[in-house]
Amino acid sequence: MDLKMISREDIEKLVKSNLALERIHLFDVKVSGRTGRPLIQLVVDHETENITVDECARISREVQDLLDIQNWAPNDYQLIVISPGVGCLLKEVWQLRKNIDRTIQTVHGGETITGILTAVLDDGTVKLEMGHETKTFNIHELSGSRVVFEKPSKRNLKRKQHETRNR
């Protein structure tokens, strides 16, 4: 078999339509590793909720079946299906909508800006709460933003631990 047949584009075409039926987005496809043992990595996400480990495992089995049917990959390939994670770039409108009420950060006009994403409007504008004011941006100005990981405060963490013990 000619191993050059394995391409990011072919895998994307094969997988994307199947995932779309389940309202799951194929965020990224990476093919790397040795020619005889390629590593295929799929990054998937739901439009409105977080994807679970069980869903990633199920998708992995389905994609394995599809690849085996197409006979595109050598017998010794690795397939990994993961979620995008906190630090991924927000490129699509659905990703911004999914992260409303979260703190995001981006570079705008050469300056790093950070704010709480409060709205993604149908007219192509996005509202960020920055300190004591809300600023409006064109949605394209915030493409490439990242969600900022916020460490929970000790006060909130203690309350959650206490609530867990009482259940």
N, C-alpha and C. Protein backbone atom coordinates (compact mmCIF):
# COMPACT_ATOMS: atom_id res chain seq x y z
N MET A 1 0.84 -1.20 0.00
CA MET A 1 0.00 0.00 0.00
C MET A 1 0.88 1.25 0.00
N ASP A 2 0.48 2.26 -0.71
CA ASP A 2 1.20 3.53 -0.78
C ASP A 2 0.81 4.38 0.41
N LEU A 3 1.72 4.58 1.37
CA LEU A 3 1.42 5.30 2.60
C LEU A 3 1.19 6.78 2.38
N LYS A 4 1.55 7.32 1.23
CA LYS A 4 1.34 8.73 0.96
C LYS A 4 -0.14 9.05 0.78
N MET A 5 -0.98 8.03 0.67
CA MET A 5 -2.41 8.25 0.48
C MET A 5 -3.08 8.81 1.73
N ILE A 6 -2.45 8.65 2.91
CA ILE A 6 -3.04 9.18 4.14
C ILE A 6 -2.82 10.69 4.15
N SER A 7 -3.90 11.42 4.09
CA SER A 7 -3.75 12.88 4.14
C SER A 7 -4.77 13.46 5.11
N ARG A 8 -4.40 14.60 5.61
CA ARG A 8 -5.27 15.34 6.53
C ARG A 8 -6.61 15.62 5.86
N GLU A 9 -6.56 16.02 4.61
CA GLU A 9 -7.77 16.39 3.86
C GLU A 9 -8.70 15.20 3.67
N ASP A 10 -8.13 14.04 3.33
CA ASP A 10 -8.96 12.85 3.14
C ASP A 10 -9.63 12.42 4.44
N ILE A 11 -8.88 12.46 5.52
CA ILE A 11 -9.45 12.09 6.82
C ILE A 11 -10.55 13.07 7.20
N GLU A 12 -10.30 14.35 6.97
CA GLU A 12 -11.28 15.38 7.29
C GLU A 12 -12.59 15.15 6.53
N LYS A 13 -12.49 14.89 5.22
CA LYS A 13 -13.69 14.63 4.41
C LYS A 13 -14.44 13.41 4.89
N LEU A 14 -13.72 12.38 5.24
CA LEU A 14 -14.32 11.13 5.67
C LEU A 14 -15.06 11.28 7.00
N VAL A 15 -14.49 12.02 7.90
CA VAL A 15 -14.99 12.09 9.27
C VAL A 15 -16.01 13.21 9.49
N LYS A 16 -15.79 14.33 8.83
CA LYS A 16 -16.57 15.55 9.10
C LYS A 16 -18.08 15.34 8.93
N SER A 17 -18.50 14.71 7.85
CA SER A 17 -19.94 14.55 7.61
C SER A 17 -20.58 13.63 8.64
N ASN A 18 -19.87 12.60 9.06
CA ASN A 18 -20.42 11.70 10.09
C ASN A 18 -20.59 12.43 11.42
N LEU A 19 -19.63 13.25 11.78
CA LEU A 19 -19.71 13.98 13.04
C LEU A 19 -20.79 15.06 12.99
N ALA A 20 -20.97 15.68 11.83
CA ALA A 20 -21.97 16.74 11.69
C ALA A 20 -23.38 16.22 11.99
N LEU A 21 -23.63 14.97 11.67
CA LEU A 21 -24.93 14.38 11.97
C LEU A 21 -25.21 14.36 13.47
N GLU A 22 -24.15 14.32 14.26
CA GLU A 22 -24.27 14.29 15.72
C GLU A 22 -24.07 15.67 16.33
N ARG A 23 -24.00 16.71 15.48
CA ARG A 23 -23.76 18.09 15.93
C ARG A 23 -22.42 18.23 16.65
N ILE A 24 -21.44 17.49 16.15
CA ILE A 24 -20.08 17.57 16.68
C ILE A 24 -19.20 18.15 15.58
N HIS A 25 -18.37 19.10 15.97
CA HIS A 25 -17.46 19.75 15.01
C HIS A 25 -16.09 19.09 15.05
N LEU A 26 -15.52 18.91 13.87
CA LEU A 26 -14.14 18.47 13.75
C LEU A 26 -13.29 19.73 13.77
N PHE A 27 -12.65 19.96 14.88
CA PHE A 27 -11.91 21.19 15.10
C PHE A 27 -10.56 21.18 14.40
N ASP A 28 -9.90 20.02 14.43
CA ASP A 28 -8.58 19.95 13.81
C ASP A 28 -8.22 18.49 13.52
N VAL A 29 -7.38 18.29 12.51
CA VAL A 29 -6.85 16.97 12.15
C VAL A 29 -5.35 17.14 12.01
N LYS A 30 -4.59 16.25 12.67
CA LYS A 30 -3.13 16.27 12.54
C LYS A 30 -2.68 14.86 12.19
N VAL A 31 -1.81 14.76 11.20
CA VAL A 31 -1.20 13.49 10.83
C VAL A 31 0.29 13.67 10.99
N SER A 32 0.91 12.86 11.85
CA SER A 32 2.34 12.97 12.10
C SER A 32 2.91 11.58 12.37
N GLY A 33 4.14 11.53 12.80
CA GLY A 33 4.77 10.26 13.12
C GLY A 33 5.49 9.67 11.93
N ARG A 34 5.92 8.43 12.10
CA ARG A 34 6.64 7.74 11.05
C ARG A 34 5.68 7.31 9.94
N THR A 35 6.19 7.16 8.75
CA THR A 35 5.38 6.77 7.60
C THR A 35 4.71 5.42 7.83
N GLY A 36 5.44 4.46 8.40
CA GLY A 36 4.88 3.14 8.64
C GLY A 36 3.96 3.06 9.84
N ARG A 37 4.04 4.06 10.72
CA ARG A 37 3.19 4.09 11.92
C ARG A 37 2.74 5.52 12.19
N PRO A 38 1.83 6.03 11.37
CA PRO A 38 1.40 7.41 11.55
C PRO A 38 0.54 7.59 12.80
N LEU A 39 0.58 8.80 13.31
CA LEU A 39 -0.27 9.20 14.42
C LEU A 39 -1.32 10.13 13.84
N ILE A 40 -2.58 9.76 13.97
CA ILE A 40 -3.69 10.58 13.50
C ILE A 40 -4.38 11.13 14.73
N GLN A 41 -4.44 12.45 14.82
CA GLN A 41 -5.05 13.09 15.98
C GLN A 41 -6.23 13.92 15.52
N LEU A 42 -7.40 13.65 16.09
CA LEU A 42 -8.61 14.41 15.79
C LEU A 42 -9.01 15.21 17.02
N VAL A 43 -9.30 16.48 16.82
CA VAL A 43 -9.77 17.33 17.90
C VAL A 43 -11.23 17.64 17.59
N VAL A 44 -12.13 17.23 18.49
CA VAL A 44 -13.57 17.36 18.25
C VAL A 44 -14.23 18.12 19.40
N ASP A 45 -15.36 18.74 19.10
CA ASP A 45 -16.07 19.49 20.13
C ASP A 45 -17.54 19.63 19.77
N HIS A 46 -18.38 19.71 20.81
CA HIS A 46 -19.81 20.01 20.63
C HIS A 46 -19.98 21.51 20.44
N GLU A 47 -21.06 21.87 19.80
CA GLU A 47 -21.33 23.29 19.58
C GLU A 47 -21.76 24.01 20.86
N THR A 48 -22.49 23.32 21.73
CA THR A 48 -23.06 24.00 22.89
C THR A 48 -22.63 23.44 24.23
N GLU A 49 -22.00 22.29 24.26
CA GLU A 49 -21.61 21.68 25.53
C GLU A 49 -20.22 21.07 25.40
N ASN A 50 -19.67 20.66 26.52
CA ASN A 50 -18.36 20.02 26.50
C ASN A 50 -18.50 18.58 26.04
N ILE A 51 -17.53 18.11 25.31
CA ILE A 51 -17.53 16.72 24.83
C ILE A 51 -16.96 15.85 25.94
N THR A 52 -17.50 14.65 26.09
CA THR A 52 -17.07 13.77 27.18
C THR A 52 -16.01 12.79 26.71
N VAL A 53 -15.34 12.18 27.65
CA VAL A 53 -14.34 11.15 27.36
C VAL A 53 -15.02 9.97 26.67
N ASP A 54 -16.20 9.61 27.13
CA ASP A 54 -16.93 8.50 26.50
C ASP A 54 -17.25 8.79 25.04
N GLU A 55 -17.62 10.03 24.74
CA GLU A 55 -17.90 10.40 23.35
C GLU A 55 -16.63 10.33 22.50
N CYS A 56 -15.50 10.77 23.06
CA CYS A 56 -14.23 10.69 22.33
C CYS A 56 -13.89 9.23 22.04
N ALA A 57 -14.12 8.34 23.00
CA ALA A 57 -13.83 6.91 22.79
C ALA A 57 -14.74 6.33 21.72
N ARG A 58 -16.01 6.70 21.75
CA ARG A 58 -16.96 6.21 20.75
C ARG A 58 -16.58 6.70 19.36
N ILE A 59 -16.24 7.98 19.25
CA ILE A 59 -15.84 8.57 17.97
C ILE A 59 -14.58 7.87 17.46
N SER A 60 -13.65 7.59 18.36
CA SER A 60 -12.43 6.90 17.98
C SER A 60 -12.74 5.55 17.34
N ARG A 61 -13.64 4.79 17.95
CA ARG A 61 -14.01 3.48 17.39
C ARG A 61 -14.66 3.64 16.01
N GLU A 62 -15.54 4.65 15.88
CA GLU A 62 -16.22 4.87 14.60
C GLU A 62 -15.23 5.28 13.50
N VAL A 63 -14.31 6.15 13.84
CA VAL A 63 -13.32 6.61 12.87
C VAL A 63 -12.39 5.45 12.49
N GLN A 64 -12.01 4.64 13.45
CA GLN A 64 -11.19 3.46 13.16
C GLN A 64 -11.89 2.57 12.13
N ASP A 65 -13.17 2.34 12.33
CA ASP A 65 -13.94 1.53 11.38
C ASP A 65 -13.94 2.17 9.99
N LEU A 66 -14.16 3.48 9.93
CA LEU A 66 -14.18 4.18 8.65
C LEU A 66 -12.81 4.09 7.94
N LEU A 67 -11.74 4.28 8.70
CA LEU A 67 -10.40 4.21 8.11
C LEU A 67 -10.09 2.79 7.63
N ASP A 68 -10.51 1.81 8.40
CA ASP A 68 -10.27 0.42 8.01
C ASP A 68 -11.04 0.06 6.74
N ILE A 69 -12.26 0.55 6.62
CA ILE A 69 -13.06 0.29 5.42
C ILE A 69 -12.40 0.92 4.19
N GLN A 70 -11.89 2.14 4.35
CA GLN A 70 -11.26 2.86 3.24
C GLN A 70 -9.88 2.30 2.91
N ASN A 71 -9.27 1.59 3.89
CA ASN A 71 -7.94 1.02 3.72
C ASN A 71 -6.89 2.10 3.40
N TRP A 72 -7.01 3.26 4.06
CA TRP A 72 -6.09 4.37 3.84
C TRP A 72 -4.87 4.32 4.74
N ALA A 73 -5.00 3.68 5.88
CA ALA A 73 -3.92 3.71 6.86
C ALA A 73 -3.27 2.33 6.97
N PRO A 74 -1.96 2.30 7.28
CA PRO A 74 -1.32 1.00 7.49
C PRO A 74 -1.92 0.33 8.73
N ASN A 75 -1.68 -0.95 8.90
CA ASN A 75 -2.24 -1.68 10.03
C ASN A 75 -1.79 -1.16 11.37
N ASP A 76 -0.65 -0.49 11.41
CA ASP A 76 -0.05 -0.07 12.67
C ASP A 76 -0.16 1.44 12.91
N TYR A 77 -1.32 2.02 12.65
CA TYR A 77 -1.47 3.45 12.90
C TYR A 77 -2.02 3.68 14.30
N GLN A 78 -1.82 4.89 14.82
CA GLN A 78 -2.38 5.29 16.10
C GLN A 78 -3.44 6.35 15.84
N LEU A 79 -4.55 6.26 16.53
CA LEU A 79 -5.62 7.25 16.41
C LEU A 79 -5.93 7.79 17.79
N ILE A 80 -5.92 9.11 17.91
CA ILE A 80 -6.25 9.77 19.17
C ILE A 80 -7.36 10.77 18.89
N VAL A 81 -8.42 10.72 19.69
CA VAL A 81 -9.54 11.66 19.58
C VAL A 81 -9.61 12.41 20.90
N ILE A 82 -9.49 13.74 20.84
CA ILE A 82 -9.46 14.55 22.05
C ILE A 82 -10.36 15.78 21.90
N SER A 83 -10.61 16.44 23.02
CA SER A 83 -11.32 17.72 23.00
C SER A 83 -10.30 18.84 22.87
N PRO A 84 -10.72 20.04 22.46
CA PRO A 84 -9.76 21.12 22.22
C PRO A 84 -9.04 21.63 23.46
N GLY A 85 -9.65 21.59 24.61
CA GLY A 85 -9.00 22.09 25.81
C GLY A 85 -9.17 23.60 25.98
N VAL A 86 -8.78 24.07 27.14
CA VAL A 86 -9.00 25.47 27.51
C VAL A 86 -8.21 26.44 26.64
N GLY A 87 -6.98 26.12 26.27
CA GLY A 87 -6.13 27.07 25.57
C GLY A 87 -6.31 27.15 24.07
N CYS A 88 -7.32 26.47 23.52
CA CYS A 88 -7.45 26.46 22.06
C CYS A 88 -7.91 27.82 21.54
N LEU A 89 -7.54 28.09 20.29
CA LEU A 89 -7.97 29.33 19.66
C LEU A 89 -9.45 29.28 19.35
N LEU A 90 -10.15 30.36 19.59
CA LEU A 90 -11.56 30.47 19.26
C LEU A 90 -11.64 31.09 17.86
N LYS A 91 -11.93 30.25 16.87
CA LYS A 91 -11.92 30.69 15.48
C LYS A 91 -13.31 30.87 14.90
N GLU A 92 -14.27 30.15 15.42
CA GLU A 92 -15.61 30.11 14.85
C GLU A 92 -16.63 30.81 15.75
N VAL A 93 -17.72 31.28 15.17
CA VAL A 93 -18.77 31.95 15.92
C VAL A 93 -19.33 31.03 17.00
N TRP A 94 -19.55 29.74 16.66
CA TRP A 94 -20.12 28.82 17.64
C TRP A 94 -19.20 28.66 18.85
N GLN A 95 -17.89 28.77 18.65
CA GLN A 95 -16.96 28.66 19.78
C GLN A 95 -17.08 29.87 20.70
N LEU A 96 -17.23 31.04 20.11
CA LEU A 96 -17.42 32.23 20.93
C LEU A 96 -18.72 32.13 21.71
N ARG A 97 -19.80 31.72 21.04
CA ARG A 97 -21.09 31.59 21.73
C ARG A 97 -21.01 30.58 22.87
N LYS A 98 -20.30 29.52 22.66
CA LYS A 98 -20.16 28.47 23.68
C LYS A 98 -19.44 29.01 24.93
N ASN A 99 -18.62 30.04 24.76
CA ASN A 99 -17.81 30.55 25.86
C ASN A 99 -18.31 31.86 26.45
N ILE A 100 -19.58 32.16 26.24
CA ILE A 100 -20.17 33.35 26.88
C ILE A 100 -20.07 33.17 28.39
N ASP A 101 -19.77 34.25 29.07
CA ASP A 101 -19.57 34.33 30.52
C ASP A 101 -18.20 33.82 30.96
N ARG A 102 -17.32 33.56 30.02
CA ARG A 102 -15.95 33.19 30.36
C ARG A 102 -15.01 34.34 30.02
N THR A 103 -13.87 34.37 30.67
CA THR A 103 -12.86 35.38 30.39
C THR A 103 -12.05 34.92 29.19
N ILE A 104 -11.92 35.82 28.22
CA ILE A 104 -11.12 35.52 27.04
C ILE A 104 -10.03 36.58 26.89
N GLN A 105 -9.00 36.21 26.13
CA GLN A 105 -7.88 37.12 25.91
C GLN A 105 -7.50 37.07 24.44
N THR A 106 -7.15 38.22 23.89
CA THR A 106 -6.72 38.29 22.49
C THR A 106 -5.80 39.49 22.31
N VAL A 107 -5.19 39.55 21.16
CA VAL A 107 -4.37 40.71 20.81
C VAL A 107 -5.18 41.53 19.81
N HIS A 108 -5.39 42.79 20.13
CA HIS A 108 -6.18 43.68 19.28
C HIS A 108 -5.41 44.99 19.13
N GLY A 109 -5.07 45.34 17.90
CA GLY A 109 -4.32 46.56 17.65
C GLY A 109 -2.95 46.56 18.33
N GLY A 110 -2.32 45.41 18.41
CA GLY A 110 -1.01 45.30 19.04
C GLY A 110 -1.04 45.27 20.55
N GLU A 111 -2.23 45.29 21.13
CA GLU A 111 -2.38 45.33 22.57
C GLU A 111 -3.14 44.08 23.04
N THR A 112 -2.69 43.47 24.12
CA THR A 112 -3.39 42.32 24.69
C THR A 112 -4.58 42.82 25.49
N ILE A 113 -5.76 42.31 25.14
CA ILE A 113 -6.96 42.70 25.87
C ILE A 113 -7.58 41.46 26.50
N THR A 114 -8.14 41.65 27.68
CA THR A 114 -8.78 40.57 28.44
C THR A 114 -10.13 41.08 28.92
N GLY A 115 -11.14 40.23 28.79
CA GLY A 115 -12.46 40.61 29.27
C GLY A 115 -13.39 39.42 29.32
N ILE A 116 -14.52 39.62 29.96
CA ILE A 116 -15.53 38.58 30.04
C ILE A 116 -16.43 38.69 28.83
N LEU A 117 -16.54 37.62 28.08
CA LEU A 117 -17.38 37.57 26.89
C LEU A 117 -18.83 37.55 27.35
N THR A 118 -19.58 38.61 27.05
CA THR A 118 -20.96 38.70 27.54
C THR A 118 -22.01 38.45 26.46
N ALA A 119 -21.66 38.66 25.18
CA ALA A 119 -22.65 38.46 24.12
C ALA A 119 -21.97 38.30 22.77
N VAL A 120 -22.59 37.44 21.94
CA VAL A 120 -22.20 37.29 20.54
C VAL A 120 -23.49 37.51 19.76
N LEU A 121 -23.57 38.64 19.07
CA LEU A 121 -24.81 39.04 18.43
C LEU A 121 -24.86 38.63 16.96
N ASP A 122 -26.08 38.50 16.44
CA ASP A 122 -26.28 38.08 15.06
C ASP A 122 -25.76 39.10 14.05
N ASP A 123 -25.57 40.35 14.47
CA ASP A 123 -25.08 41.38 13.54
C ASP A 123 -23.56 41.34 13.38
N GLY A 124 -22.90 40.34 14.00
CA GLY A 124 -21.46 40.20 13.86
C GLY A 124 -20.66 40.95 14.90
N THR A 125 -21.30 41.38 15.97
CA THR A 125 -20.59 42.06 17.03
C THR A 125 -20.50 41.18 18.28
N VAL A 126 -19.48 41.47 19.07
CA VAL A 126 -19.21 40.74 20.29
C VAL A 126 -19.04 41.77 21.40
N LYS A 127 -19.60 41.47 22.57
CA LYS A 127 -19.46 42.38 23.71
C LYS A 127 -18.56 41.76 24.77
N LEU A 128 -17.59 42.56 25.21
CA LEU A 128 -16.66 42.15 26.26
C LEU A 128 -16.78 43.10 27.43
N GLU A 129 -16.93 42.54 28.61
CA GLU A 129 -16.92 43.34 29.82
C GLU A 129 -15.47 43.46 30.26
N MET A 130 -14.99 44.68 30.24
CA MET A 130 -13.59 44.94 30.56
C MET A 130 -13.54 45.92 31.72
N GLY A 131 -13.34 45.37 32.91
CA GLY A 131 -13.36 46.21 34.10
C GLY A 131 -14.78 46.68 34.38
N HIS A 132 -14.97 47.99 34.41
CA HIS A 132 -16.29 48.56 34.71
C HIS A 132 -17.04 48.99 33.46
N GLU A 133 -16.52 48.64 32.28
CA GLU A 133 -17.21 49.02 31.06
C GLU A 133 -17.35 47.84 30.11
N THR A 134 -18.33 47.93 29.24
CA THR A 134 -18.53 46.90 28.21
C THR A 134 -18.15 47.51 26.88
N LYS A 135 -17.27 46.82 26.16
CA LYS A 135 -16.84 47.29 24.85
C LYS A 135 -17.37 46.35 23.77
N THR A 136 -17.65 46.91 22.60
CA THR A 136 -18.17 46.15 21.47
C THR A 136 -17.08 46.02 20.42
N PHE A 137 -16.91 44.79 19.90
CA PHE A 137 -15.92 44.50 18.87
C PHE A 137 -16.60 43.80 17.71
N ASN A 138 -16.01 43.94 16.54
CA ASN A 138 -16.43 43.13 15.40
C ASN A 138 -15.96 41.71 15.67
N ILE A 139 -16.77 40.74 15.32
CA ILE A 139 -16.46 39.34 15.63
C ILE A 139 -15.11 38.92 15.05
N HIS A 140 -14.73 39.47 13.90
CA HIS A 140 -13.45 39.13 13.28
C HIS A 140 -12.26 39.66 14.07
N GLU A 141 -12.49 40.73 14.84
CA GLU A 141 -11.41 41.27 15.66
C GLU A 141 -11.04 40.34 16.81
N LEU A 142 -11.97 39.46 17.19
CA LEU A 142 -11.71 38.56 18.31
C LEU A 142 -11.41 37.13 17.86
N SER A 143 -11.35 36.91 16.55
CA SER A 143 -10.97 35.59 16.06
C SER A 143 -9.53 35.33 16.49
N GLY A 144 -9.30 34.19 17.07
CA GLY A 144 -7.98 33.88 17.59
C GLY A 144 -7.85 34.16 19.08
N SER A 145 -8.97 34.46 19.72
CA SER A 145 -8.97 34.64 21.18
C SER A 145 -8.78 33.29 21.85
N ARG A 146 -8.43 33.34 23.10
CA ARG A 146 -8.31 32.12 23.91
C ARG A 146 -9.07 32.32 25.21
N VAL A 147 -9.65 31.23 25.71
CA VAL A 147 -10.27 31.28 27.02
C VAL A 147 -9.15 31.31 28.05
N VAL A 148 -9.28 32.16 29.04
CA VAL A 148 -8.29 32.29 30.10
C VAL A 148 -8.69 31.34 31.22
N PHE A 149 -7.77 30.46 31.60
CA PHE A 149 -8.03 29.56 32.72
C PHE A 149 -8.02 30.37 34.00
N GLU A 150 -9.10 30.26 34.74
CA GLU A 150 -9.19 30.99 36.00
C GLU A 150 -9.14 30.01 37.15
N LYS A 151 -8.13 30.18 37.99
CA LYS A 151 -7.97 29.34 39.16
C LYS A 151 -9.08 29.69 40.16
N PRO A 152 -9.80 28.68 40.65
CA PRO A 152 -10.87 28.99 41.60
C PRO A 152 -10.30 29.59 42.88
N SER A 153 -11.04 30.52 43.45
CA SER A 153 -10.58 31.14 44.69
C SER A 153 -10.67 30.12 45.82
N LYS A 154 -9.85 30.30 46.85
CA LYS A 154 -9.86 29.36 47.98
C LYS A 154 -11.22 29.35 48.65
N ARG A 155 -11.86 30.48 48.69
CA ARG A 155 -13.18 30.57 49.32
C ARG A 155 -14.19 29.70 48.56
N ASN A 156 -14.24 29.81 47.24
CA ASN A 156 -15.16 29.00 46.44
C ASN A 156 -14.79 27.52 46.50
N LEU A 157 -13.50 27.23 46.52
CA LEU A 157 -13.04 25.84 46.56
C LEU A 157 -13.46 25.18 47.87
N LYS A 158 -13.30 25.90 49.01
CA LYS A 158 -13.71 25.35 50.30
C LYS A 158 -15.21 25.10 50.33
N ARG A 159 -15.99 26.01 49.77
CA ARG A 159 -17.44 25.86 49.76
C ARG A 159 -17.82 24.62 48.94
N LYS A 160 -17.20 24.41 47.80
CA LYS A 160 -17.51 23.25 46.96
C LYS A 160 -17.12 21.96 47.66
N GLN A 161 -15.98 21.94 48.36
CA GLN A 161 -15.57 20.74 49.08
C GLN A 161 -16.56 20.44 50.19
N HIS A 162 -17.00 21.47 50.87
CA HIS A 162 -17.96 21.31 51.96
C HIS A 162 -19.29 20.78 51.42
N GLU A 163 -19.76 21.34 50.30
CA GLU A 163 -21.01 20.88 49.70
C GLU A 163 -20.89 19.42 49.28
N THR A 164 -19.74 19.02 48.79
CA THR A 164 -19.54 17.64 48.35
C THR A 164 -19.60 16.69 49.53
N ARG A 165 -19.03 17.07 50.66
CA ARG A 165 -19.04 16.20 51.84
C ARG A 165 -20.44 16.00 52.37
N ASN A 166 -21.31 16.98 52.22
CA ASN A 166 -22.66 16.89 52.78
C ASN A 166 -23.61 16.09 51.91
N ARG A 167 -23.21 15.69 50.74
CA ARG A 167 -24.13 14.97 49.85
C ARG A 167 -24.29 13.55 50.23
